[in-house]
C-alpha atoms as a PDB file:
ATOM      1  CA  UNK A   1      19.138 -20.138  50.541  1.00  0.00           C
ATOM      2  CA  UNK A   2      20.854 -23.210  51.954  1.00  0.00           C
ATOM      3  CA  UNK A   3      23.650 -22.838  49.194  1.00  0.00           C
ATOM      4  CA  UNK A   4      24.628 -19.290  50.249  1.00  0.00           C
ATOM      5  CA  UNK A   5      26.282 -17.933  53.293  1.00  0.00           C
ATOM      6  CA  UNK A   6      23.569 -15.482  54.610  1.00  0.00           C
ATOM      7  CA  UNK A   7      26.115 -14.205  57.092  1.00  0.00           C
ATOM      8  CA  UNK A   8      28.324 -12.691  54.323  1.00  0.00           C
ATOM      9  CA  UNK A   9      28.719  -8.946  54.432  1.00  0.00           C
ATOM     10  CA  UNK A  10      28.657  -6.324  51.743  1.00  0.00           C
ATOM     11  CA  UNK A  11      31.187  -3.566  51.166  1.00  0.00           C
ATOM     12  CA  UNK A  12      29.657  -1.521  54.025  1.00  0.00           C
ATOM     13  CA  UNK A  13      29.639  -4.575  56.470  1.00  0.00           C
ATOM     14  CA  UNK A  14      25.842  -5.294  56.245  1.00  0.00           C
ATOM     15  CA  UNK A  15      24.458  -8.753  56.057  1.00  0.00           C
ATOM     16  CA  UNK A  16      21.233  -9.783  54.253  1.00  0.00           C
ATOM     17  CA  UNK A  17      19.536  -9.776  57.689  1.00  0.00           C
ATOM     18  CA  UNK A  18      20.664  -6.177  58.274  1.00  0.00           C
ATOM     19  CA  UNK A  19      19.965  -5.042  54.768  1.00  0.00           C
ATOM     20  CA  UNK A  20      16.631  -6.446  53.920  1.00  0.00           C
ATOM     21  CA  UNK A  21      14.512  -5.147  56.892  1.00  0.00           C
ATOM     22  CA  UNK A  22      16.016  -1.589  56.310  1.00  0.00           C
ATOM     23  CA  UNK A  23      14.638  -1.745  52.835  1.00  0.00           C
ATOM     24  CA  UNK A  24      11.376  -3.241  53.537  1.00  0.00           C
ATOM     25  CA  UNK A  25      11.965  -6.525  51.724  1.00  0.00           C
ATOM     26  CA  UNK A  26       9.298  -8.481  53.805  1.00  0.00           C
ATOM     27  CA  UNK A  27       9.561 -11.710  51.870  1.00  0.00           C
ATOM     28  CA  UNK A  28      13.359 -11.854  52.149  1.00  0.00           C
ATOM     29  CA  UNK A  29      13.041 -11.093  55.884  1.00  0.00           C
ATOM     30  CA  UNK A  30      10.528 -13.947  56.253  1.00  0.00           C
ATOM     31  CA  UNK A  31      12.856 -16.310  54.475  1.00  0.00           C
ATOM     32  CA  UNK A  32      15.749 -15.281  56.631  1.00  0.00           C
ATOM     33  CA  UNK A  33      14.018 -15.568  59.949  1.00  0.00           C
ATOM     34  CA  UNK A  34      12.953 -19.212  59.017  1.00  0.00           C
ATOM     35  CA  UNK A  35      16.553 -20.172  58.448  1.00  0.00           C
ATOM     36  CA  UNK A  36      18.545 -22.086  61.201  1.00  0.00           C
ATOM     37  CA  UNK A  37      21.504 -20.151  62.490  1.00  0.00           C
ATOM     38  CA  UNK A  38      20.282 -16.675  61.389  1.00  0.00           C
ATOM     39  CA  UNK A  39      19.865 -14.348  64.269  1.00  0.00           C
ATOM     40  CA  UNK A  40      17.620 -11.220  64.085  1.00  0.00           C
ATOM     41  CA  UNK A  41      20.006  -9.461  66.600  1.00  0.00           C
ATOM     42  CA  UNK A  42      23.029  -8.985  64.346  1.00  0.00           C
ATOM     43  CA  UNK A  43      24.167  -5.305  64.215  1.00  0.00           C
ATOM     44  CA  UNK A  44      25.271  -3.165  61.423  1.00  0.00           C
ATOM     45  CA  UNK A  45      28.417  -0.981  61.658  1.00  0.00           C
ATOM     46  CA  UNK A  46      26.253   1.632  63.525  1.00  0.00           C
ATOM     47  CA  UNK A  47      25.089  -0.919  66.069  1.00  0.00           C
ATOM     48  CA  UNK A  48      21.526  -0.921  64.523  1.00  0.00           C
ATOM     49  CA  UNK A  49      19.752  -4.206  64.680  1.00  0.00           C
ATOM     50  CA  UNK A  50      17.502  -5.357  61.796  1.00  0.00           C
ATOM     51  CA  UNK A  51      14.468  -4.437  63.983  1.00  0.00           C
ATOM     52  CA  UNK A  52      15.826  -0.849  64.527  1.00  0.00           C
ATOM     53  CA  UNK A  53      16.220  -0.433  60.835  1.00  0.00           C
ATOM     54  CA  UNK A  54      12.866  -1.701  59.907  1.00  0.00           C
ATOM     55  CA  UNK A  55      11.245   0.329  62.725  1.00  0.00           C
ATOM     56  CA  UNK A  56      13.161   3.411  61.913  1.00  0.00           C
ATOM     57  CA  UNK A  57      12.322   3.184  58.209  1.00  0.00           C
ATOM     58  CA  UNK A  58       8.630   2.434  58.564  1.00  0.00           C
ATOM     59  CA  UNK A  59       8.917  -1.144  57.317  1.00  0.00           C
ATOM     60  CA  UNK A  60       5.867  -2.665  59.159  1.00  0.00           C
ATOM     61  CA  UNK A  61       5.813  -5.968  57.237  1.00  0.00           C
ATOM     62  CA  UNK A  62       9.612  -6.594  58.143  1.00  0.00           C
ATOM     63  CA  UNK A  63       8.922  -5.586  61.757  1.00  0.00           C
ATOM     64  CA  UNK A  64       6.101  -8.226  61.829  1.00  0.00           C
ATOM     65  CA  UNK A  65       8.283 -10.837  60.380  1.00  0.00           C
ATOM     66  CA  UNK A  66      11.158 -10.148  62.733  1.00  0.00           C
ATOM     67  CA  UNK A  67       8.663 -10.277  65.611  1.00  0.00           C
ATOM     68  CA  UNK A  68       7.964 -13.904  64.829  1.00  0.00           C
ATOM     69  CA  UNK A  69      11.582 -14.820  65.802  1.00  0.00           C
ATOM     70  CA  UNK A  70      11.644 -16.066  69.363  1.00  0.00           C
ATOM     71  CA  UNK A  71      15.203 -15.024  70.052  1.00  0.00           C
ATOM     72  CA  UNK A  72      14.514 -11.449  68.966  1.00  0.00           C
ATOM     73  CA  UNK A  73      15.941  -8.858  71.378  1.00  0.00           C
ATOM     74  CA  UNK A  74      13.681  -5.886  70.885  1.00  0.00           C
ATOM     75  CA  UNK A  75      15.323  -3.370  73.144  1.00  0.00           C
ATOM     76  CA  UNK A  76      18.897  -3.523  71.833  1.00  0.00           C
ATOM     77  CA  UNK A  77      20.238   0.126  71.571  1.00  0.00           C
ATOM     78  CA  UNK A  78      22.408   1.271  68.691  1.00  0.00           C
ATOM     79  CA  UNK A  79      25.708   3.217  69.217  1.00  0.00           C
ATOM     80  CA  UNK A  80      23.591   6.445  69.815  1.00  0.00           C
ATOM     81  CA  UNK A  81      21.587   4.631  72.347  1.00  0.00           C
ATOM     82  CA  UNK A  82      18.311   4.507  70.275  1.00  0.00           C
ATOM     83  CA  UNK A  83      16.197   1.479  70.417  1.00  0.00           C
ATOM     84  CA  UNK A  84      13.728   0.244  67.722  1.00  0.00           C
ATOM     85  CA  UNK A  85      10.834   1.808  69.635  1.00  0.00           C
ATOM     86  CA  UNK A  86      12.597   5.294  69.824  1.00  0.00           C
ATOM     87  CA  UNK A  87      13.412   5.092  66.049  1.00  0.00           C
ATOM     88  CA  UNK A  88       9.790   4.348  65.150  1.00  0.00           C
ATOM     89  CA  UNK A  89       8.411   6.899  67.596  1.00  0.00           C
ATOM     90  CA  UNK A  90      10.881   9.621  66.385  1.00  0.00           C
ATOM     91  CA  UNK A  91       9.901   9.019  62.704  1.00  0.00           C
ATOM     92  CA  UNK A  92       6.249   9.008  63.320  1.00  0.00           C
ATOM     93  CA  UNK A  93       5.437   5.353  62.722  1.00  0.00           C
ATOM     94  CA  UNK A  94       2.574   4.842  65.023  1.00  0.00           C
ATOM     95  CA  UNK A  95       1.674   1.471  63.663  1.00  0.00           C
ATOM     96  CA  UNK A  96       5.109   0.099  64.376  1.00  0.00           C
ATOM     97  CA  UNK A  97       4.982   1.691  67.907  1.00  0.00           C
ATOM     98  CA  UNK A  98       1.845  -0.300  68.455  1.00  0.00           C
ATOM     99  CA  UNK A  99       3.348  -3.584  67.284  1.00  0.00           C
ATOM    100  CA  UNK A 100       6.365  -3.080  69.448  1.00  0.00           C
ATOM    101  CA  UNK A 101       4.352  -2.235  72.439  1.00  0.00           C
ATOM    102  CA  UNK A 102       2.195  -5.452  72.044  1.00  0.00           C
ATOM    103  CA  UNK A 103       4.952  -7.875  72.841  1.00  0.00           C
ATOM    104  CA  UNK A 104       4.929  -9.777  76.048  1.00  0.00           C
ATOM    105  CA  UNK A 105       7.548  -8.701  78.617  1.00  0.00           C
ATOM    106  CA  UNK A 106       8.171  -5.416  76.632  1.00  0.00           C
ATOM    107  CA  UNK A 107       8.781  -2.315  78.477  1.00  0.00           C
ATOM    108  CA  UNK A 108       8.656   1.172  76.957  1.00  0.00           C
ATOM    109  CA  UNK A 109       9.900   3.169  79.833  1.00  0.00           C
ATOM    110  CA  UNK A 110      13.552   3.055  78.729  1.00  0.00           C
ATOM    111  CA  UNK A 111      15.345   6.127  77.806  1.00  0.00           C
ATOM    112  CA  UNK A 112      17.931   6.629  75.037  1.00  0.00           C
ATOM    113  CA  UNK A 113      20.787   9.053  75.004  1.00  0.00           C
ATOM    114  CA  UNK A 114      19.774  10.685  71.599  1.00  0.00           C
ATOM    115  CA  UNK A 115      18.193  14.106  71.669  1.00  0.00           C
END
């Protein structure tokens, strides 16, 4: 990992930190969050954070690994105004909703602008 630039993007503009949680690659997510200089708050071209992607795709292991990162910003909305919590709830991932609700200083009374 130290030999590669983990901030490099693919043809669609996604970094490894954006791609791995969306696909549920828990081991890769864990390795990435342990790297210095890797932020869990990067956004993809749609404004979705790695946490939003993992939550919206039901990737509970990736959500748990991202949750370990102290500088995680869990309420960042995407370009449609959806937060990780709203993605998880909308797609029926109750376990992820529970994980997201357990975080200290977390509030779930935010609204998004998506229908």
